[in-house]
PDB file of N, CA and C in Angstrom:
ATOM      1  N   UNK A   1     -13.883   0.524 -65.593  1.00  0.00           N
ATOM      2  CA  UNK A   1     -13.907   2.029 -65.885  1.00  0.00           C
ATOM      3  C   UNK A   1     -14.454   2.727 -64.876  1.00  0.00           C
ATOM      4  N   UNK A   2     -15.499   2.382 -64.242  1.00  0.00           N
ATOM      5  CA  UNK A   2     -16.175   3.607 -63.183  1.00  0.00           C
ATOM      6  C   UNK A   2     -15.297   3.096 -61.890  1.00  0.00           C
ATOM      7  N   UNK A   3     -14.562   2.440 -61.611  1.00  0.00           N
ATOM      8  CA  UNK A   3     -13.967   2.458 -60.658  1.00  0.00           C
ATOM      9  C   UNK A   3     -12.492   3.264 -60.836  1.00  0.00           C
ATOM     10  N   UNK A   4     -12.319   3.596 -62.081  1.00  0.00           N
ATOM     11  CA  UNK A   4     -10.891   4.569 -62.432  1.00  0.00           C
ATOM     12  C   UNK A   4     -11.589   5.744 -62.101  1.00  0.00           C
ATOM     13  N   UNK A   5     -13.019   6.335 -62.545  1.00  0.00           N
ATOM     14  CA  UNK A   5     -13.942   7.486 -62.666  1.00  0.00           C
ATOM     15  C   UNK A   5     -13.947   8.075 -61.308  1.00  0.00           C
ATOM     16  N   UNK A   6     -14.250   6.890 -60.331  1.00  0.00           N
ATOM     17  CA  UNK A   6     -14.167   7.367 -58.861  1.00  0.00           C
ATOM     18  C   UNK A   6     -12.787   7.945 -58.359  1.00  0.00           C
ATOM     19  N   UNK A   7     -12.294   6.728 -58.814  1.00  0.00           N
ATOM     20  CA  UNK A   7     -10.601   7.184 -58.295  1.00  0.00           C
ATOM     21  C   UNK A   7     -10.089   8.692 -58.479  1.00  0.00           C
ATOM     22  N   UNK A   8     -10.414   9.024 -59.804  1.00  0.00           N
ATOM     23  CA  UNK A   8      -9.992  10.444 -60.034  1.00  0.00           C
ATOM     24  C   UNK A   8     -11.091  11.375 -59.606  1.00  0.00           C
ATOM     25  N   UNK A   9     -11.989  11.412 -59.309  1.00  0.00           N
ATOM     26  CA  UNK A   9     -13.305  11.833 -58.545  1.00  0.00           C
ATOM     27  C   UNK A   9     -12.696  12.164 -57.152  1.00  0.00           C
ATOM     28  N   UNK A  10     -12.162  11.178 -56.433  1.00  0.00           N
ATOM     29  CA  UNK A  10     -11.384  11.303 -55.348  1.00  0.00           C
ATOM     30  C   UNK A  10     -10.471  12.180 -54.936  1.00  0.00           C
ATOM     31  N   UNK A  11      -9.578  11.771 -56.194  1.00  0.00           N
ATOM     32  CA  UNK A  11      -8.477  12.563 -56.278  1.00  0.00           C
ATOM     33  C   UNK A  11      -8.729  14.364 -56.304  1.00  0.00           C
ATOM     34  N   UNK A  12      -9.974  14.619 -57.299  1.00  0.00           N
ATOM     35  CA  UNK A  12      -9.884  15.793 -57.739  1.00  0.00           C
ATOM     36  C   UNK A  12     -10.171  16.352 -56.545  1.00  0.00           C
ATOM     37  N   UNK A  13     -11.502  15.713 -55.483  1.00  0.00           N
ATOM     38  CA  UNK A  13     -12.074  16.498 -54.378  1.00  0.00           C
ATOM     39  C   UNK A  13     -10.841  16.594 -53.406  1.00  0.00           C
ATOM     40  N   UNK A  14      -9.993  15.802 -52.965  1.00  0.00           N
ATOM     41  CA  UNK A  14      -8.661  16.205 -52.114  1.00  0.00           C
ATOM     42  C   UNK A  14      -7.926  17.351 -52.706  1.00  0.00           C
ATOM     43  N   UNK A  15      -7.734  17.359 -54.000  1.00  0.00           N
ATOM     44  CA  UNK A  15      -6.764  18.587 -54.700  1.00  0.00           C
ATOM     45  C   UNK A  15      -7.765  19.665 -54.346  1.00  0.00           C
ATOM     46  N   UNK A  16      -8.918  19.986 -54.698  1.00  0.00           N
ATOM     47  CA  UNK A  16      -9.995  20.843 -54.127  1.00  0.00           C
ATOM     48  C   UNK A  16      -9.964  21.245 -52.981  1.00  0.00           C
ATOM     49  N   UNK A  17      -9.954  20.196 -52.038  1.00  0.00           N
ATOM     50  CA  UNK A  17      -9.743  20.990 -50.545  1.00  0.00           C
ATOM     51  C   UNK A  17      -8.700  21.121 -50.113  1.00  0.00           C
ATOM     52  N   UNK A  18      -7.255  20.608 -50.727  1.00  0.00           N
ATOM     53  CA  UNK A  18      -6.241  21.392 -50.761  1.00  0.00           C
ATOM     54  C   UNK A  18      -6.184  22.837 -50.859  1.00  0.00           C
ATOM     55  N   UNK A  19      -6.720  23.154 -52.176  1.00  0.00           N
ATOM     56  CA  UNK A  19      -6.355  24.505 -52.558  1.00  0.00           C
ATOM     57  C   UNK A  19      -7.077  25.433 -51.865  1.00  0.00           C
ATOM     58  N   UNK A  20      -8.279  24.673 -51.627  1.00  0.00           N
ATOM     59  CA  UNK A  20      -9.431  25.776 -50.645  1.00  0.00           C
ATOM     60  C   UNK A  20      -8.831  26.025 -49.364  1.00  0.00           C
ATOM     61  N   UNK A  21      -7.579  25.301 -48.666  1.00  0.00           N
ATOM     62  CA  UNK A  21      -7.145  25.191 -47.821  1.00  0.00           C
ATOM     63  C   UNK A  21      -6.136  26.103 -47.771  1.00  0.00           C
ATOM     64  N   UNK A  22      -5.260  26.248 -48.809  1.00  0.00           N
ATOM     65  CA  UNK A  22      -4.415  27.335 -48.918  1.00  0.00           C
ATOM     66  C   UNK A  22      -4.879  28.361 -49.306  1.00  0.00           C
ATOM     67  N   UNK A  23      -5.644  28.672 -50.156  1.00  0.00           N
ATOM     68  CA  UNK A  23      -6.672  30.147 -50.212  1.00  0.00           C
ATOM     69  C   UNK A  23      -6.592  30.346 -48.929  1.00  0.00           C
ATOM     70  N   UNK A  24      -7.342  29.725 -48.270  1.00  0.00           N
ATOM     71  CA  UNK A  24      -7.770  30.559 -47.022  1.00  0.00           C
ATOM     72  C   UNK A  24      -6.538  30.890 -46.004  1.00  0.00           C
ATOM     73  N   UNK A  25      -5.628  30.095 -46.170  1.00  0.00           N
ATOM     74  CA  UNK A  25      -4.275  30.455 -45.765  1.00  0.00           C
ATOM     75  C   UNK A  25      -3.489  31.614 -46.038  1.00  0.00           C
ATOM     76  N   UNK A  26      -3.428  31.577 -47.248  1.00  0.00           N
ATOM     77  CA  UNK A  26      -3.268  33.015 -48.003  1.00  0.00           C
ATOM     78  C   UNK A  26      -3.886  34.012 -47.393  1.00  0.00           C
ATOM     79  N   UNK A  27      -5.170  34.252 -47.806  1.00  0.00           N
ATOM     80  CA  UNK A  27      -5.802  35.364 -47.255  1.00  0.00           C
ATOM     81  C   UNK A  27      -5.540  35.563 -45.927  1.00  0.00           C
ATOM     82  N   UNK A  28      -5.557  34.630 -44.851  1.00  0.00           N
ATOM     83  CA  UNK A  28      -5.104  34.904 -43.756  1.00  0.00           C
ATOM     84  C   UNK A  28      -3.833  35.865 -43.314  1.00  0.00           C
ATOM     85  N   UNK A  29      -2.863  35.212 -44.091  1.00  0.00           N
ATOM     86  CA  UNK A  29      -1.336  35.705 -44.172  1.00  0.00           C
ATOM     87  C   UNK A  29      -1.577  37.060 -44.789  1.00  0.00           C
ATOM     88  N   UNK A  30      -2.167  37.021 -45.748  1.00  0.00           N
ATOM     89  CA  UNK A  30      -2.337  38.619 -46.135  1.00  0.00           C
ATOM     90  C   UNK A  30      -2.662  39.513 -45.384  1.00  0.00           C
ATOM     91  N   UNK A  31      -3.914  39.284 -44.905  1.00  0.00           N
ATOM     92  CA  UNK A  31      -4.527  40.180 -43.777  1.00  0.00           C
ATOM     93  C   UNK A  31      -3.596  40.561 -42.297  1.00  0.00           C
ATOM     94  N   UNK A  32      -2.864  39.437 -42.323  1.00  0.00           N
ATOM     95  CA  UNK A  32      -2.258  39.680 -40.847  1.00  0.00           C
ATOM     96  C   UNK A  32      -0.832  40.502 -41.456  1.00  0.00           C
ATOM     97  N   UNK A  33      -0.778  40.340 -42.740  1.00  0.00           N
ATOM     98  CA  UNK A  33       0.639  41.188 -43.322  1.00  0.00           C
ATOM     99  C   UNK A  33       0.118  42.554 -43.284  1.00  0.00           C
ATOM    100  N   UNK A  34      -0.879  42.830 -43.934  1.00  0.00           N
ATOM    101  CA  UNK A  34      -1.302  44.277 -43.959  1.00  0.00           C
ATOM    102  C   UNK A  34      -1.475  44.789 -42.365  1.00  0.00           C
ATOM    103  N   UNK A  35      -1.996  44.120 -41.804  1.00  0.00           N
ATOM    104  CA  UNK A  35      -2.231  44.719 -40.256  1.00  0.00           C
ATOM    105  C   UNK A  35      -0.555  45.175 -39.719  1.00  0.00           C
ATOM    106  N   UNK A  36       0.325  43.949 -39.743  1.00  0.00           N
ATOM    107  CA  UNK A  36       1.585  44.345 -39.428  1.00  0.00           C
ATOM    108  C   UNK A  36       2.486  45.751 -39.956  1.00  0.00           C
ATOM    109  N   UNK A  37       2.236  45.594 -41.567  1.00  0.00           N
ATOM    110  CA  UNK A  37       2.546  46.915 -42.245  1.00  0.00           C
ATOM    111  C   UNK A  37       2.140  48.210 -41.684  1.00  0.00           C
ATOM    112  N   UNK A  38       0.691  48.064 -41.260  1.00  0.00           N
ATOM    113  CA  UNK A  38      -0.176  49.374 -40.687  1.00  0.00           C
ATOM    114  C   UNK A  38       0.603  49.652 -39.386  1.00  0.00           C
ATOM    115  N   UNK A  39       0.789  48.848 -38.600  1.00  0.00           N
ATOM    116  CA  UNK A  39       1.938  48.773 -37.342  1.00  0.00           C
ATOM    117  C   UNK A  39       3.038  49.682 -37.641  1.00  0.00           C
ATOM    118  N   UNK A  40       3.813  49.010 -38.522  1.00  0.00           N
ATOM    119  CA  UNK A  40       5.000  49.905 -38.754  1.00  0.00           C
ATOM    120  C   UNK A  40       4.501  51.448 -39.324  1.00  0.00           C
ATOM    121  N   UNK A  41       3.717  51.651 -40.302  1.00  0.00           N
ATOM    122  CA  UNK A  41       3.606  53.007 -40.639  1.00  0.00           C
ATOM    123  C   UNK A  41       3.413  53.758 -39.229  1.00  0.00           C
ATOM    124  N   UNK A  42       2.274  53.218 -38.255  1.00  0.00           N
ATOM    125  CA  UNK A  42       2.179  54.052 -37.193  1.00  0.00           C
ATOM    126  C   UNK A  42       3.086  54.351 -36.272  1.00  0.00           C
ATOM    127  N   UNK A  43       3.903  53.336 -36.213  1.00  0.00           N
ATOM    128  CA  UNK A  43       5.500  53.512 -35.479  1.00  0.00           C
ATOM    129  C   UNK A  43       5.940  54.490 -35.856  1.00  0.00           C
ATOM    130  N   UNK A  44       6.375  54.718 -36.996  1.00  0.00           N
ATOM    131  CA  UNK A  44       6.792  56.010 -37.412  1.00  0.00           C
ATOM    132  C   UNK A  44       6.287  57.201 -37.597  1.00  0.00           C
ATOM    133  N   UNK A  45       5.148  57.271 -37.033  1.00  0.00           N
ATOM    134  CA  UNK A  45       3.997  58.532 -36.549  1.00  0.00           C
ATOM    135  C   UNK A  45       4.339  58.904 -35.418  1.00  0.00           C
ATOM    136  N   UNK A  46       4.434  57.725 -34.503  1.00  0.00           N
ATOM    137  CA  UNK A  46       4.138  57.797 -32.880  1.00  0.00           C
ATOM    138  C   UNK A  46       5.609  58.191 -32.388  1.00  0.00           C
ATOM    139  N   UNK A  47       6.529  57.800 -33.574  1.00  0.00           N
ATOM    140  CA  UNK A  47       8.104  58.251 -32.699  1.00  0.00           C
ATOM    141  C   UNK A  47       8.230  59.382 -32.612  1.00  0.00           C
ATOM    142  N   UNK A  48       7.521  60.693 -33.373  1.00  0.00           N
ATOM    143  CA  UNK A  48       7.669  61.843 -33.627  1.00  0.00           C
ATOM    144  C   UNK A  48       6.656  62.749 -32.206  1.00  0.00           C
ATOM    145  N   UNK A  49       7.501  63.439 -31.703  1.00  0.00           N
ATOM    146  CA  UNK A  49       6.718  63.987 -30.345  1.00  0.00           C
ATOM    147  C   UNK A  49       6.204  65.105 -30.751  1.00  0.00           C
ATOM    148  N   UNK A  50       6.013  65.369 -31.985  1.00  0.00           N
ATOM    149  CA  UNK A  50       5.577  66.871 -32.420  1.00  0.00           C
ATOM    150  C   UNK A  50       4.125  66.249 -32.552  1.00  0.00           C
ATOM    151  N   UNK A  51       3.648  65.086 -33.020  1.00  0.00           N
ATOM    152  CA  UNK A  51       2.431  64.337 -33.344  1.00  0.00           C
ATOM    153  C   UNK A  51       1.810  64.742 -32.138  1.00  0.00           C
ATOM    154  N   UNK A  52       1.974  64.709 -30.931  1.00  0.00           N
ATOM    155  CA  UNK A  52       1.307  64.497 -29.589  1.00  0.00           C
ATOM    156  C   UNK A  52       0.426  65.695 -29.202  1.00  0.00           C
ATOM    157  N   UNK A  53       1.020  66.922 -29.517  1.00  0.00           N
ATOM    158  CA  UNK A  53       0.385  68.242 -29.522  1.00  0.00           C
ATOM    159  C   UNK A  53       0.167  68.441 -27.633  1.00  0.00           C
ATOM    160  N   UNK A  54      -0.973  68.787 -27.219  1.00  0.00           N
ATOM    161  CA  UNK A  54      -1.158  68.803 -25.730  1.00  0.00           C
ATOM    162  C   UNK A  54      -0.989  67.357 -24.918  1.00  0.00           C
ATOM    163  N   UNK A  55      -0.743  66.487 -25.758  1.00  0.00           N
ATOM    164  CA  UNK A  55      -1.034  64.908 -24.591  1.00  0.00           C
ATOM    165  C   UNK A  55       0.882  64.844 -24.516  1.00  0.00           C
ATOM    166  N   UNK A  56       1.607  65.669 -24.869  1.00  0.00           N
ATOM    167  CA  UNK A  56       2.964  65.976 -24.552  1.00  0.00           C
ATOM    168  C   UNK A  56       3.126  66.080 -23.215  1.00  0.00           C
ATOM    169  N   UNK A  57       2.122  66.768 -22.424  1.00  0.00           N
ATOM    170  CA  UNK A  57       2.294  67.014 -20.949  1.00  0.00           C
ATOM    171  C   UNK A  57       1.805  65.935 -19.983  1.00  0.00           C
ATOM    172  N   UNK A  58       1.350  64.522 -20.833  1.00  0.00           N
ATOM    173  CA  UNK A  58       1.269  63.455 -20.087  1.00  0.00           C
ATOM    174  C   UNK A  58       2.323  62.728 -19.841  1.00  0.00           C
ATOM    175  N   UNK A  59       3.100  62.582 -19.018  1.00  0.00           N
ATOM    176  CA  UNK A  59       4.172  61.722 -18.938  1.00  0.00           C
ATOM    177  C   UNK A  59       3.954  60.237 -19.407  1.00  0.00           C
ATOM    178  N   UNK A  60       5.092  59.489 -20.109  1.00  0.00           N
ATOM    179  CA  UNK A  60       4.729  58.272 -20.634  1.00  0.00           C
ATOM    180  C   UNK A  60       3.965  57.813 -21.351  1.00  0.00           C
ATOM    181  N   UNK A  61       3.253  58.836 -22.254  1.00  0.00           N
ATOM    182  CA  UNK A  61       2.204  58.612 -23.208  1.00  0.00           C
ATOM    183  C   UNK A  61       2.852  57.986 -24.622  1.00  0.00           C
ATOM    184  N   UNK A  62       3.559  58.565 -25.172  1.00  0.00           N
ATOM    185  CA  UNK A  62       4.714  58.315 -25.972  1.00  0.00           C
ATOM    186  C   UNK A  62       5.141  56.951 -26.251  1.00  0.00           C
ATOM    187  N   UNK A  63       5.504  56.804 -24.626  1.00  0.00           N
ATOM    188  CA  UNK A  63       6.409  55.288 -24.434  1.00  0.00           C
ATOM    189  C   UNK A  63       5.661  54.118 -24.519  1.00  0.00           C
ATOM    190  N   UNK A  64       4.176  54.651 -23.906  1.00  0.00           N
ATOM    191  CA  UNK A  64       3.102  53.465 -23.599  1.00  0.00           C
ATOM    192  C   UNK A  64       2.478  53.358 -24.876  1.00  0.00           C
ATOM    193  N   UNK A  65       2.454  54.091 -26.100  1.00  0.00           N
ATOM    194  CA  UNK A  65       1.624  53.782 -27.337  1.00  0.00           C
ATOM    195  C   UNK A  65       2.645  52.868 -28.168  1.00  0.00           C
ATOM    196  N   UNK A  66       4.097  53.374 -27.851  1.00  0.00           N
ATOM    197  CA  UNK A  66       4.908  52.528 -28.583  1.00  0.00           C
ATOM    198  C   UNK A  66       5.102  51.190 -28.394  1.00  0.00           C
ATOM    199  N   UNK A  67       4.954  50.559 -27.012  1.00  0.00           N
ATOM    200  CA  UNK A  67       4.923  49.802 -26.301  1.00  0.00           C
ATOM    201  C   UNK A  67       3.639  48.897 -26.765  1.00  0.00           C
ATOM    202  N   UNK A  68       2.928  49.593 -26.840  1.00  0.00           N
ATOM    203  CA  UNK A  68       1.408  48.584 -27.362  1.00  0.00           C
ATOM    204  C   UNK A  68       1.894  48.402 -28.725  1.00  0.00           C
ATOM    205  N   UNK A  69       2.046  49.244 -29.393  1.00  0.00           N
ATOM    206  CA  UNK A  69       2.130  49.096 -30.726  1.00  0.00           C
ATOM    207  C   UNK A  69       3.086  47.825 -31.309  1.00  0.00           C
ATOM    208  N   UNK A  70       4.232  47.998 -30.208  1.00  0.00           N
ATOM    209  CA  UNK A  70       5.176  46.925 -30.450  1.00  0.00           C
ATOM    210  C   UNK A  70       4.700  45.537 -30.017  1.00  0.00           C
ATOM    211  N   UNK A  71       4.136  45.646 -28.924  1.00  0.00           N
ATOM    212  CA  UNK A  71       3.380  44.305 -28.360  1.00  0.00           C
ATOM    213  C   UNK A  71       2.569  43.909 -29.549  1.00  0.00           C
ATOM    214  N   UNK A  72       1.217  44.651 -29.874  1.00  0.00           N
ATOM    215  CA  UNK A  72       0.949  44.233 -31.220  1.00  0.00           C
ATOM    216  C   UNK A  72       1.473  43.410 -32.355  1.00  0.00           C
ATOM    217  N   UNK A  73       2.465  44.269 -32.558  1.00  0.00           N
ATOM    218  CA  UNK A  73       3.112  43.739 -34.170  1.00  0.00           C
ATOM    219  C   UNK A  73       3.728  42.270 -33.549  1.00  0.00           C
ATOM    220  N   UNK A  74       4.282  42.315 -32.472  1.00  0.00           N
ATOM    221  CA  UNK A  74       5.227  40.796 -32.291  1.00  0.00           C
ATOM    222  C   UNK A  74       3.951  39.730 -31.828  1.00  0.00           C
ATOM    223  N   UNK A  75       2.662  39.807 -31.429  1.00  0.00           N
ATOM    224  CA  UNK A  75       1.478  39.334 -31.401  1.00  0.00           C
ATOM    225  C   UNK A  75       1.398  38.735 -33.185  1.00  0.00           C
ATOM    226  N   UNK A  76       1.214  39.909 -33.831  1.00  0.00           N
ATOM    227  CA  UNK A  76       0.798  39.287 -35.247  1.00  0.00           C
ATOM    228  C   UNK A  76       1.906  38.266 -36.010  1.00  0.00           C
ATOM    229  N   UNK A  77       3.148  38.588 -35.574  1.00  0.00           N
ATOM    230  CA  UNK A  77       4.283  37.829 -36.070  1.00  0.00           C
ATOM    231  C   UNK A  77       4.078  36.592 -35.302  1.00  0.00           C
ATOM    232  N   UNK A  78       3.458  36.387 -34.213  1.00  0.00           N
ATOM    233  CA  UNK A  78       3.670  34.958 -33.465  1.00  0.00           C
ATOM    234  C   UNK A  78       2.209  34.424 -34.442  1.00  0.00           C
ATOM    235  N   UNK A  79       1.201  35.275 -34.853  1.00  0.00           N
ATOM    236  CA  UNK A  79       0.317  34.481 -35.813  1.00  0.00           C
ATOM    237  C   UNK A  79       0.309  34.131 -36.723  1.00  0.00           C
ATOM    238  N   UNK A  80       1.259  34.690 -37.519  1.00  0.00           N
ATOM    239  CA  UNK A  80       1.799  34.579 -38.970  1.00  0.00           C
ATOM    240  C   UNK A  80       2.780  33.128 -38.850  1.00  0.00           C
ATOM    241  N   UNK A  81       3.390  33.319 -37.973  1.00  0.00           N
ATOM    242  CA  UNK A  81       4.275  31.888 -37.733  1.00  0.00           C
ATOM    243  C   UNK A  81       3.632  30.940 -37.717  1.00  0.00           C
ATOM    244  N   UNK A  82       2.251  30.897 -36.581  1.00  0.00           N
ATOM    245  CA  UNK A  82       1.549  29.825 -36.466  1.00  0.00           C
ATOM    246  C   UNK A  82       1.027  29.645 -37.556  1.00  0.00           C
ATOM    247  N   UNK A  83       0.498  30.417 -38.562  1.00  0.00           N
ATOM    248  CA  UNK A  83      -0.186  29.964 -39.590  1.00  0.00           C
ATOM    249  C   UNK A  83       0.445  29.785 -40.762  1.00  0.00           C
ATOM    250  N   UNK A  84       1.679  29.536 -40.766  1.00  0.00           N
ATOM    251  CA  UNK A  84       2.404  29.061 -41.664  1.00  0.00           C
ATOM    252  C   UNK A  84       2.753  27.742 -41.174  1.00  0.00           C
TER     253      UNK A  84
END
């Protein structure tokens, strides 16, 4: 009887560890997805040259900002793939 209890305790411990691992992965993916969605929102704003005001006189500002955001977005997607 004691052996059966130990066996179930061991299985329960393993299941709890797996659930904790899944919870951590889910939290990580939610955070990464949130970051990616914020970048998508920013890209919509950054594409409109009216939002740059006096920075429009500095050539390449818009393109540089867009490129940095795309780079960050790609990095987040890579991180999400690794997490999965």
